[in-house]
Amino acid sequence: MTRCEVCGNDYALAFTVETQDGARHVFDSFACAIHRMAPICEHCRVQIIGQGVEVEGHWYCGAHCARAEGKAGIVDKVGSVSGSTG
Protein backbone atom coordinates (compact mmCIF):
# COMPACT_ATOMS: atom_id res chain seq x y z
CA MET A 1 0.00 0.00 0.00
CA THR A 2 1.00 3.63 -0.42
CA ARG A 3 0.82 6.43 2.14
CA CYS A 4 -0.90 9.75 1.33
CA GLU A 5 1.51 12.66 1.78
CA VAL A 6 -1.24 14.91 3.19
CA CYS A 7 -3.18 12.79 5.70
CA GLY A 8 -0.82 9.85 6.12
CA ASN A 9 -3.47 7.24 5.27
CA ASP A 10 -1.92 4.00 4.02
CA TYR A 11 -4.31 3.13 1.20
CA ALA A 12 -4.26 0.44 -1.49
CA LEU A 13 -6.02 2.71 -4.01
CA ALA A 14 -3.75 5.74 -3.54
CA PHE A 15 -2.70 7.52 -6.74
CA THR A 16 0.34 9.46 -7.89
CA VAL A 17 0.34 12.87 -9.56
CA GLU A 18 3.44 13.90 -11.50
CA THR A 19 3.94 17.63 -12.07
CA GLN A 20 5.50 19.26 -15.12
CA ASP A 21 8.83 19.56 -13.30
CA GLY A 22 8.85 15.81 -12.55
CA ALA A 23 7.91 16.01 -8.86
CA ARG A 24 5.73 13.09 -7.76
CA HIS A 25 2.97 13.36 -5.14
CA VAL A 26 0.93 10.51 -3.63
CA PHE A 27 -2.64 11.01 -2.40
CA ASP A 28 -5.45 8.80 -1.12
CA SER A 29 -8.24 11.14 -2.29
CA PHE A 30 -8.97 14.09 -4.55
CA ALA A 31 -9.59 16.14 -1.41
CA CYS A 32 -5.99 15.63 -0.27
CA ALA A 33 -4.66 16.32 -3.79
CA ILE A 34 -6.62 19.58 -3.97
CA HIS A 35 -5.44 20.57 -0.50
CA ARG A 36 -1.80 20.13 -1.50
CA MET A 37 -1.76 21.19 -5.15
CA ALA A 38 -4.56 23.65 -6.00
CA PRO A 39 -3.35 27.22 -6.44
CA ILE A 40 -4.82 29.83 -4.09
CA CYS A 41 -6.51 33.01 -5.33
CA GLU A 42 -4.24 35.92 -4.46
CA HIS A 43 -7.24 38.14 -3.72
CA CYS A 44 -9.86 36.11 -1.83
CA ARG A 45 -7.59 33.17 -0.80
CA VAL A 46 -9.97 30.42 -2.04
CA GLN A 47 -8.38 27.27 -3.45
CA ILE A 48 -8.85 27.27 -7.22
CA ILE A 49 -10.33 23.93 -8.24
CA GLY A 50 -11.75 25.01 -11.60
CA GLN A 51 -10.27 27.08 -14.39
CA GLY A 52 -9.02 30.12 -12.53
CA VAL A 53 -7.27 33.06 -14.18
CA GLU A 54 -3.49 33.45 -14.41
CA VAL A 55 -2.26 37.01 -14.94
CA GLU A 56 1.44 37.85 -15.08
CA GLY A 57 2.30 34.78 -12.99
CA HIS A 58 -0.40 35.44 -10.37
CA TRP A 59 -3.45 33.19 -9.83
CA TYR A 60 -7.01 34.36 -9.22
CA CYS A 61 -10.27 32.40 -8.94
CA GLY A 62 -11.87 34.62 -11.59
CA ALA A 63 -11.76 37.91 -13.43
CA HIS A 64 -13.47 39.78 -10.56
CA CYS A 65 -10.62 39.01 -8.16
CA ALA A 66 -7.99 39.78 -10.80
CA ARG A 67 -9.57 43.18 -11.42
CA ALA A 68 -9.80 43.80 -7.67
CA GLU A 69 -6.02 43.40 -7.60
CA GLY A 70 -5.62 45.99 -10.36
CA LYS A 71 -5.26 43.66 -13.34
CA ALA A 72 -6.88 45.31 -16.38
CA GLY A 73 -8.61 43.69 -19.33
CA ILE A 74 -9.39 40.38 -17.64
CA VAL A 75 -12.80 38.82 -18.39
CA ASP A 76 -14.42 35.52 -17.42
CA LYS A 77 -16.05 35.08 -20.83
CA VAL A 78 -16.11 36.71 -24.22
CA GLY A 79 -19.31 37.24 -26.19
CA SER A 80 -22.85 36.54 -25.13
CA VAL A 81 -24.72 33.44 -24.13
CA SER A 82 -27.36 32.43 -26.66
CA GLY A 83 -30.82 33.50 -25.56
CA SER A 84 -29.63 35.76 -22.72
CA THR A 85 -30.83 39.31 -22.31
CA GLY A 86 -28.81 42.29 -21.18
PDB file of N, CA and C in Angstrom:
ATOM      1  N   MET A   1       0.837  -1.187   0.000  1.00  0.00           N
ATOM      2  CA  MET A   1       0.000   0.000   0.000  1.00  0.00           C
ATOM      3  C   MET A   1       0.880   1.249   0.000  1.00  0.00           C
ATOM      4  N   THR A   2       0.278   2.369  -0.316  1.00  0.00           N
ATOM      5  CA  THR A   2       1.003   3.630  -0.424  1.00  0.00           C
ATOM      6  C   THR A   2       0.396   4.652   0.518  1.00  0.00           C
ATOM      7  N   ARG A   3       1.254   5.455   1.142  1.00  0.00           N
ATOM      8  CA  ARG A   3       0.822   6.432   2.140  1.00  0.00           C
ATOM      9  C   ARG A   3       0.592   7.810   1.502  1.00  0.00           C
ATOM     10  N   CYS A   4      -0.561   8.403   1.809  1.00  0.00           N
ATOM     11  CA  CYS A   4      -0.898   9.745   1.333  1.00  0.00           C
ATOM     12  C   CYS A   4       0.018  10.766   2.013  1.00  0.00           C
ATOM     13  N   GLU A   5       0.585  11.672   1.221  1.00  0.00           N
ATOM     14  CA  GLU A   5       1.512  12.658   1.777  1.00  0.00           C
ATOM     15  C   GLU A   5       0.819  13.772   2.558  1.00  0.00           C
ATOM     16  N   VAL A   6      -0.513  13.877   2.460  1.00  0.00           N
ATOM     17  CA  VAL A   6      -1.240  14.906   3.193  1.00  0.00           C
ATOM     18  C   VAL A   6      -1.755  14.368   4.527  1.00  0.00           C
ATOM     19  N   CYS A   7      -2.533  13.290   4.483  1.00  0.00           N
ATOM     20  CA  CYS A   7      -3.184  12.794   5.702  1.00  0.00           C
ATOM     21  C   CYS A   7      -2.480  11.599   6.328  1.00  0.00           C
ATOM     22  N   GLY A   8      -1.557  10.984   5.589  1.00  0.00           N
ATOM     23  CA  GLY A   8      -0.820   9.852   6.125  1.00  0.00           C
ATOM     24  C   GLY A   8      -1.529   8.515   6.018  1.00  0.00           C
ATOM     25  N   ASN A   9      -2.719   8.490   5.417  1.00  0.00           N
ATOM     26  CA  ASN A   9      -3.467   7.240   5.269  1.00  0.00           C
ATOM     27  C   ASN A   9      -2.709   6.284   4.363  1.00  0.00           C
ATOM     28  N   ASP A  10      -2.555   5.048   4.807  1.00  0.00           N
ATOM     29  CA  ASP A  10      -1.922   3.997   4.018  1.00  0.00           C
ATOM     30  C   ASP A  10      -3.041   3.290   3.263  1.00  0.00           C
ATOM     31  N   TYR A  11      -3.124   3.499   1.961  1.00  0.00           N
ATOM     32  CA  TYR A  11      -4.311   3.134   1.196  1.00  0.00           C
ATOM     33  C   TYR A  11      -3.931   2.394  -0.075  1.00  0.00           C
ATOM     34  N   ALA A  12      -4.571   1.260  -0.319  1.00  0.00           N
ATOM     35  CA  ALA A  12      -4.259   0.441  -1.491  1.00  0.00           C
ATOM     36  C   ALA A  12      -4.617   1.136  -2.803  1.00  0.00           C
ATOM     37  N   LEU A  13      -5.584   2.040  -2.782  1.00  0.00           N
ATOM     38  CA  LEU A  13      -6.018   2.713  -4.011  1.00  0.00           C
ATOM     39  C   LEU A  13      -5.468   4.139  -4.124  1.00  0.00           C
ATOM     40  N   ALA A  14      -4.386   4.427  -3.426  1.00  0.00           N
ATOM     41  CA  ALA A  14      -3.748   5.743  -3.542  1.00  0.00           C
ATOM     42  C   ALA A  14      -3.295   5.946  -4.987  1.00  0.00           C
ATOM     43  N   PHE A  15      -3.141   7.205  -5.380  1.00  0.00           N
ATOM     44  CA  PHE A  15      -2.704   7.517  -6.740  1.00  0.00           C
ATOM     45  C   PHE A  15      -1.559   8.518  -6.701  1.00  0.00           C
ATOM     46  N   THR A  16      -0.819   8.572  -7.783  1.00  0.00           N
ATOM     47  CA  THR A  16       0.335   9.457  -7.893  1.00  0.00           C
ATOM     48  C   THR A  16       0.058  10.523  -8.939  1.00  0.00           C
ATOM     49  N   VAL A  17       0.426  11.757  -8.617  1.00  0.00           N
ATOM     50  CA  VAL A  17       0.337  12.874  -9.558  1.00  0.00           C
ATOM     51  C   VAL A  17       1.758  13.330  -9.837  1.00  0.00           C
ATOM     52  N   GLU A  18       2.117  13.408 -11.110  1.00  0.00           N
ATOM     53  CA  GLU A  18       3.438  13.898 -11.495  1.00  0.00           C
ATOM     54  C   GLU A  18       3.282  15.280 -12.113  1.00  0.00           C
ATOM     55  N   THR A  19       4.024  16.256 -11.583  1.00  0.00           N
ATOM     56  CA  THR A  19       3.937  17.629 -12.069  1.00  0.00           C
ATOM     57  C   THR A  19       4.833  17.826 -13.284  1.00  0.00           C
ATOM     58  N   GLN A  20       4.707  18.965 -13.928  1.00  0.00           N
ATOM     59  CA  GLN A  20       5.499  19.255 -15.121  1.00  0.00           C
ATOM     60  C   GLN A  20       6.994  19.230 -14.846  1.00  0.00           C
ATOM     61  N   ASP A  21       7.392  19.561 -13.612  1.00  0.00           N
ATOM     62  CA  ASP A  21       8.828  19.560 -13.299  1.00  0.00           C
ATOM     63  C   ASP A  21       9.320  18.192 -12.827  1.00  0.00           C
ATOM     64  N   GLY A  22       8.453  17.172 -12.891  1.00  0.00           N
ATOM     65  CA  GLY A  22       8.851  15.814 -12.548  1.00  0.00           C
ATOM     66  C   GLY A  22       8.636  15.424 -11.093  1.00  0.00           C
ATOM     67  N   ALA A  23       8.184  16.350 -10.256  1.00  0.00           N
ATOM     68  CA  ALA A  23       7.913  16.013  -8.859  1.00  0.00           C
ATOM     69  C   ALA A  23       6.726  15.049  -8.812  1.00  0.00           C
ATOM     70  N   ARG A  24       6.791  14.085  -7.905  1.00  0.00           N
ATOM     71  CA  ARG A  24       5.727  13.094  -7.765  1.00  0.00           C
ATOM     72  C   ARG A  24       5.087  13.238  -6.390  1.00  0.00           C
ATOM     73  N   HIS A  25       3.736  13.222  -6.369  1.00  0.00           N
ATOM     74  CA  HIS A  25       2.975  13.360  -5.136  1.00  0.00           C
ATOM     75  C   HIS A  25       1.988  12.203  -5.041  1.00  0.00           C
ATOM     76  N   VAL A  26       1.830  11.639  -3.850  1.00  0.00           N
ATOM     77  CA  VAL A  26       0.933  10.510  -3.632  1.00  0.00           C
ATOM     78  C   VAL A  26      -0.211  10.948  -2.724  1.00  0.00           C
ATOM     79  N   PHE A  27      -1.448  10.625  -3.151  1.00  0.00           N
ATOM     80  CA  PHE A  27      -2.638  11.006  -2.396  1.00  0.00           C
ATOM     81  C   PHE A  27      -3.594   9.825  -2.302  1.00  0.00           C
ATOM     82  N   ASP A  28      -4.426   9.834  -1.254  1.00  0.00           N
ATOM     83  CA  ASP A  28      -5.451   8.803  -1.123  1.00  0.00           C
ATOM     84  C   ASP A  28      -6.813   9.288  -1.581  1.00  0.00           C
ATOM     85  N   SER A  29      -6.950  10.585  -1.870  1.00  0.00           N
ATOM     86  CA  SER A  29      -8.237  11.141  -2.293  1.00  0.00           C
ATOM     87  C   SER A  29      -8.013  12.430  -3.075  1.00  0.00           C
ATOM     88  N   PHE A  30      -9.035  12.807  -3.850  1.00  0.00           N
ATOM     89  CA  PHE A  30      -8.967  14.093  -4.554  1.00  0.00           C
ATOM     90  C   PHE A  30      -8.924  15.240  -3.556  1.00  0.00           C
ATOM     91  N   ALA A  31      -9.594  15.080  -2.418  1.00  0.00           N
ATOM     92  CA  ALA A  31      -9.589  16.141  -1.411  1.00  0.00           C
ATOM     93  C   ALA A  31      -8.172  16.444  -0.948  1.00  0.00           C
ATOM     94  N   CYS A  32      -7.380  15.417  -0.699  1.00  0.00           N
ATOM     95  CA  CYS A  32      -5.987  15.635  -0.273  1.00  0.00           C
ATOM     96  C   CYS A  32      -5.152  16.224  -1.409  1.00  0.00           C
ATOM     97  N   ALA A  33      -5.395  15.776  -2.642  1.00  0.00           N
ATOM     98  CA  ALA A  33      -4.658  16.316  -3.788  1.00  0.00           C
ATOM     99  C   ALA A  33      -4.961  17.800  -3.965  1.00  0.00           C
ATOM    100  N   ILE A  34      -6.230  18.173  -3.851  1.00  0.00           N
ATOM    101  CA  ILE A  34      -6.624  19.578  -3.970  1.00  0.00           C
ATOM    102  C   ILE A  34      -5.978  20.394  -2.858  1.00  0.00           C
ATOM    103  N   HIS A  35      -6.029  19.867  -1.648  1.00  0.00           N
ATOM    104  CA  HIS A  35      -5.445  20.575  -0.502  1.00  0.00           C
ATOM    105  C   HIS A  35      -3.969  20.893  -0.742  1.00  0.00           C
ATOM    106  N   ARG A  36      -3.226  19.949  -1.296  1.00  0.00           N
ATOM    107  CA  ARG A  36      -1.796  20.130  -1.496  1.00  0.00           C
ATOM    108  C   ARG A  36      -1.459  20.899  -2.758  1.00  0.00           C
ATOM    109  N   MET A  37      -2.226  20.722  -3.843  1.00  0.00           N
ATOM    110  CA  MET A  37      -1.760  21.188  -5.149  1.00  0.00           C
ATOM    111  C   MET A  37      -2.528  22.342  -5.770  1.00  0.00           C
ATOM    112  N   ALA A  38      -3.769  22.587  -5.356  1.00  0.00           N
ATOM    113  CA  ALA A  38      -4.555  23.645  -6.000  1.00  0.00           C
ATOM    114  C   ALA A  38      -3.954  25.012  -5.692  1.00  0.00           C
ATOM    115  N   PRO A  39      -3.827  25.856  -6.709  1.00  0.00           N
ATOM    116  CA  PRO A  39      -3.350  27.218  -6.438  1.00  0.00           C
ATOM    117  C   PRO A  39      -4.386  27.973  -5.605  1.00  0.00           C
ATOM    118  N   ILE A  40      -3.952  29.032  -4.947  1.00  0.00           N
ATOM    119  CA  ILE A  40      -4.820  29.831  -4.093  1.00  0.00           C
ATOM    120  C   ILE A  40      -4.981  31.217  -4.704  1.00  0.00           C
ATOM    121  N   CYS A  41      -6.222  31.683  -4.790  1.00  0.00           N
ATOM    122  CA  CYS A  41      -6.506  33.013  -5.330  1.00  0.00           C
ATOM    123  C   CYS A  41      -5.766  34.055  -4.493  1.00  0.00           C
ATOM    124  N   GLU A  42      -5.039  34.924  -5.160  1.00  0.00           N
ATOM    125  CA  GLU A  42      -4.237  35.924  -4.455  1.00  0.00           C
ATOM    126  C   GLU A  42      -5.068  37.092  -3.932  1.00  0.00           C
ATOM    127  N   HIS A  43      -6.363  37.097  -4.257  1.00  0.00           N
ATOM    128  CA  HIS A  43      -7.239  38.145  -3.715  1.00  0.00           C
ATOM    129  C   HIS A  43      -8.101  37.612  -2.573  1.00  0.00           C
ATOM    130  N   CYS A  44      -8.911  36.584  -2.845  1.00  0.00           N
ATOM    131  CA  CYS A  44      -9.859  36.106  -1.829  1.00  0.00           C
ATOM    132  C   CYS A  44      -9.368  34.878  -1.069  1.00  0.00           C
ATOM    133  N   ARG A  45      -8.250  34.293  -1.488  1.00  0.00           N
ATOM    134  CA  ARG A  45      -7.589  33.172  -0.803  1.00  0.00           C
ATOM    135  C   ARG A  45      -8.316  31.834  -0.930  1.00  0.00           C
ATOM    136  N   VAL A  46      -9.297  31.699  -1.826  1.00  0.00           N
ATOM    137  CA  VAL A  46      -9.968  30.422  -2.035  1.00  0.00           C
ATOM    138  C   VAL A  46      -9.054  29.506  -2.861  1.00  0.00           C
ATOM    139  N   GLN A  47      -9.127  28.192  -2.612  1.00  0.00           N
ATOM    140  CA  GLN A  47      -8.378  27.266  -3.451  1.00  0.00           C
ATOM    141  C   GLN A  47      -9.075  27.171  -4.798  1.00  0.00           C
ATOM    142  N   ILE A  48      -8.308  27.260  -5.865  1.00  0.00           N
ATOM    143  CA  ILE A  48      -8.852  27.271  -7.222  1.00  0.00           C
ATOM    144  C   ILE A  48      -8.921  25.841  -7.729  1.00  0.00           C
ATOM    145  N   ILE A  49     -10.135  25.305  -7.800  1.00  0.00           N
ATOM    146  CA  ILE A  49     -10.333  23.931  -8.238  1.00  0.00           C
ATOM    147  C   ILE A  49     -10.717  23.891  -9.709  1.00  0.00           C
ATOM    148  N   GLY A  50     -11.341  24.944 -10.195  1.00  0.00           N
ATOM    149  CA  GLY A  50     -11.754  25.014 -11.597  1.00  0.00           C
ATOM    150  C   GLY A  50     -10.701  25.687 -12.454  1.00  0.00           C
ATOM    151  N   GLN A  51     -11.153  26.451 -13.411  1.00  0.00           N
ATOM    152  CA  GLN A  51     -10.274  27.081 -14.393  1.00  0.00           C
ATOM    153  C   GLN A  51      -9.322  28.104 -13.785  1.00  0.00           C
ATOM    154  N   GLY A  52      -9.854  29.048 -13.058  1.00  0.00           N
ATOM    155  CA  GLY A  52      -9.021  30.121 -12.533  1.00  0.00           C
ATOM    156  C   GLY A  52      -8.524  31.027 -13.637  1.00  0.00           C
ATOM    157  N   VAL A  53      -7.829  32.085 -13.246  1.00  0.00           N
ATOM    158  CA  VAL A  53      -7.268  33.055 -14.178  1.00  0.00           C
ATOM    159  C   VAL A  53      -5.827  33.318 -13.754  1.00  0.00           C
ATOM    160  N   GLU A  54      -4.894  33.146 -14.682  1.00  0.00           N
ATOM    161  CA  GLU A  54      -3.493  33.454 -14.407  1.00  0.00           C
ATOM    162  C   GLU A  54      -3.143  34.746 -15.123  1.00  0.00           C
ATOM    163  N   VAL A  55      -2.633  35.722 -14.373  1.00  0.00           N
ATOM    164  CA  VAL A  55      -2.263  37.008 -14.937  1.00  0.00           C
ATOM    165  C   VAL A  55      -0.860  37.359 -14.455  1.00  0.00           C
ATOM    166  N   GLU A  56       0.069  37.459 -15.403  1.00  0.00           N
ATOM    167  CA  GLU A  56       1.441  37.853 -15.082  1.00  0.00           C
ATOM    168  C   GLU A  56       2.026  37.010 -13.951  1.00  0.00           C
ATOM    169  N   GLY A  57       1.746  35.698 -13.987  1.00  0.00           N
ATOM    170  CA  GLY A  57       2.297  34.780 -12.992  1.00  0.00           C
ATOM    171  C   GLY A  57       1.553  34.731 -11.671  1.00  0.00           C
ATOM    172  N   HIS A  58       0.415  35.429 -11.579  1.00  0.00           N
ATOM    173  CA  HIS A  58      -0.397  35.437 -10.368  1.00  0.00           C
ATOM    174  C   HIS A  58      -1.720  34.720 -10.649  1.00  0.00           C
ATOM    175  N   TRP A  59      -2.219  33.962  -9.662  1.00  0.00           N
ATOM    176  CA  TRP A  59      -3.451  33.191  -9.829  1.00  0.00           C
ATOM    177  C   TRP A  59      -4.614  33.833  -9.096  1.00  0.00           C
ATOM    178  N   TYR A  60      -5.767  33.837  -9.786  1.00  0.00           N
ATOM    179  CA  TYR A  60      -7.009  34.356  -9.217  1.00  0.00           C
ATOM    180  C   TYR A  60      -8.126  33.364  -9.546  1.00  0.00           C
ATOM    181  N   CYS A  61      -9.159  33.329  -8.696  1.00  0.00           N
ATOM    182  CA  CYS A  61     -10.269  32.396  -8.940  1.00  0.00           C
ATOM    183  C   CYS A  61     -11.111  32.832 -10.121  1.00  0.00           C
ATOM    184  N   GLY A  62     -11.111  34.113 -10.454  1.00  0.00           N
ATOM    185  CA  GLY A  62     -11.868  34.621 -11.587  1.00  0.00           C
ATOM    186  C   GLY A  62     -11.472  36.043 -11.919  1.00  0.00           C
ATOM    187  N   ALA A  63     -12.092  36.568 -12.959  1.00  0.00           N
ATOM    188  CA  ALA A  63     -11.762  37.912 -13.426  1.00  0.00           C
ATOM    189  C   ALA A  63     -12.051  38.971 -12.371  1.00  0.00           C
ATOM    190  N   HIS A  64     -13.123  38.798 -11.592  1.00  0.00           N
ATOM    191  CA  HIS A  64     -13.469  39.778 -10.563  1.00  0.00           C
ATOM    192  C   HIS A  64     -12.304  39.983  -9.595  1.00  0.00           C
ATOM    193  N   CYS A  65     -11.727  38.889  -9.111  1.00  0.00           N
ATOM    194  CA  CYS A  65     -10.619  39.008  -8.157  1.00  0.00           C
ATOM    195  C   CYS A  65      -9.367  39.573  -8.824  1.00  0.00           C
ATOM    196  N   ALA A  66      -9.136  39.219 -10.085  1.00  0.00           N
ATOM    197  CA  ALA A  66      -7.987  39.781 -10.803  1.00  0.00           C
ATOM    198  C   ALA A  66      -8.136  41.295 -10.937  1.00  0.00           C
ATOM    199  N   ARG A  67      -9.332  41.734 -11.300  1.00  0.00           N
ATOM    200  CA  ARG A  67      -9.574  43.179 -11.423  1.00  0.00           C
ATOM    201  C   ARG A  67      -9.455  43.873 -10.071  1.00  0.00           C
ATOM    202  N   ALA A  68      -9.898  43.214  -9.007  1.00  0.00           N
ATOM    203  CA  ALA A  68      -9.805  43.802  -7.665  1.00  0.00           C
ATOM    204  C   ALA A  68      -8.349  44.011  -7.257  1.00  0.00           C
ATOM    205  N   GLU A  69      -7.449  43.255  -7.865  1.00  0.00           N
ATOM    206  CA  GLU A  69      -6.019  43.401  -7.597  1.00  0.00           C
ATOM    207  C   GLU A  69      -5.343  44.313  -8.615  1.00  0.00           C
ATOM    208  N   GLY A  70      -6.157  45.003  -9.427  1.00  0.00           N
ATOM    209  CA  GLY A  70      -5.617  45.989 -10.362  1.00  0.00           C
ATOM    210  C   GLY A  70      -5.217  45.458 -11.719  1.00  0.00           C
ATOM    211  N   LYS A  71      -5.578  44.234 -12.032  1.00  0.00           N
ATOM    212  CA  LYS A  71      -5.256  43.661 -13.339  1.00  0.00           C
ATOM    213  C   LYS A  71      -6.329  44.093 -14.333  1.00  0.00           C
ATOM    214  N   ALA A  72      -5.935  44.757 -15.410  1.00  0.00           N
ATOM    215  CA  ALA A  72      -6.883  45.313 -16.380  1.00  0.00           C
ATOM    216  C   ALA A  72      -7.109  44.359 -17.543  1.00  0.00           C
ATOM    217  N   GLY A  73      -8.312  44.436 -18.117  1.00  0.00           N
ATOM    218  CA  GLY A  73      -8.613  43.688 -19.333  1.00  0.00           C
ATOM    219  C   GLY A  73      -8.899  42.221 -19.125  1.00  0.00           C
ATOM    220  N   ILE A  74      -9.131  41.789 -17.908  1.00  0.00           N
ATOM    221  CA  ILE A  74      -9.386  40.381 -17.636  1.00  0.00           C
ATOM    222  C   ILE A  74     -10.892  40.154 -17.606  1.00  0.00           C
ATOM    223  N   VAL A  75     -11.374  39.151 -18.366  1.00  0.00           N
ATOM    224  CA  VAL A  75     -12.799  38.825 -18.392  1.00  0.00           C
ATOM    225  C   VAL A  75     -12.973  37.327 -18.188  1.00  0.00           C
ATOM    226  N   ASP A  76     -14.126  36.937 -17.615  1.00  0.00           N
ATOM    227  CA  ASP A  76     -14.424  35.520 -17.415  1.00  0.00           C
ATOM    228  C   ASP A  76     -14.902  34.856 -18.692  1.00  0.00           C
ATOM    229  N   LYS A  77     -15.561  35.626 -19.575  1.00  0.00           N
ATOM    230  CA  LYS A  77     -16.049  35.077 -20.835  1.00  0.00           C
ATOM    231  C   LYS A  77     -16.059  36.179 -21.884  1.00  0.00           C
ATOM    232  N   VAL A  78     -16.066  35.768 -23.127  1.00  0.00           N
ATOM    233  CA  VAL A  78     -16.112  36.708 -24.225  1.00  0.00           C
ATOM    234  C   VAL A  78     -17.366  36.406 -25.029  1.00  0.00           C
ATOM    235  N   GLY A  79     -18.092  37.440 -25.425  1.00  0.00           N
ATOM    236  CA  GLY A  79     -19.310  37.244 -26.190  1.00  0.00           C
ATOM    237  C   GLY A  79     -20.515  37.093 -25.293  1.00  0.00           C
ATOM    238  N   SER A  80     -21.623  36.686 -25.895  1.00  0.00           N
ATOM    239  CA  SER A  80     -22.851  36.544 -25.128  1.00  0.00           C
ATOM    240  C   SER A  80     -23.316  35.105 -25.155  1.00  0.00           C
ATOM    241  N   VAL A  81     -24.120  34.766 -24.190  1.00  0.00           N
ATOM    242  CA  VAL A  81     -24.724  33.444 -24.125  1.00  0.00           C
ATOM    243  C   VAL A  81     -25.994  33.477 -24.954  1.00  0.00           C
ATOM    244  N   SER A  82     -26.177  32.490 -25.793  1.00  0.00           N
ATOM    245  CA  SER A  82     -27.355  32.432 -26.658  1.00  0.00           C
ATOM    246  C   SER A  82     -28.639  32.477 -25.846  1.00  0.00           C
ATOM    247  N   GLY A  83     -29.528  33.393 -26.215  1.00  0.00           N
ATOM    248  CA  GLY A  83     -30.819  33.497 -25.556  1.00  0.00           C
ATOM    249  C   GLY A  83     -30.815  34.384 -24.316  1.00  0.00           C
ATOM    250  N   SER A  84     -29.663  34.918 -23.911  1.00  0.00           N
ATOM    251  CA  SER A  84     -29.630  35.758 -22.720  1.00  0.00           C
ATOM    252  C   SER A  84     -30.029  37.183 -23.076  1.00  0.00           C
ATOM    253  N   THR A  85     -30.477  37.910 -22.093  1.00  0.00           N
ATOM    254  CA  THR A  85     -30.825  39.307 -22.312  1.00  0.00           C
ATOM    255  C   THR A  85     -29.933  40.173 -21.454  1.00  0.00           C
ATOM    256  N   GLY A  86     -29.580  41.322 -21.949  1.00  0.00           N
ATOM    257  CA  GLY A  86     -28.807  42.289 -21.184  1.00  0.00           C
ATOM    258  C   GLY A  86     -27.438  41.896 -21.075  1.00  0.00           C
TER     259      GLY A  86
END
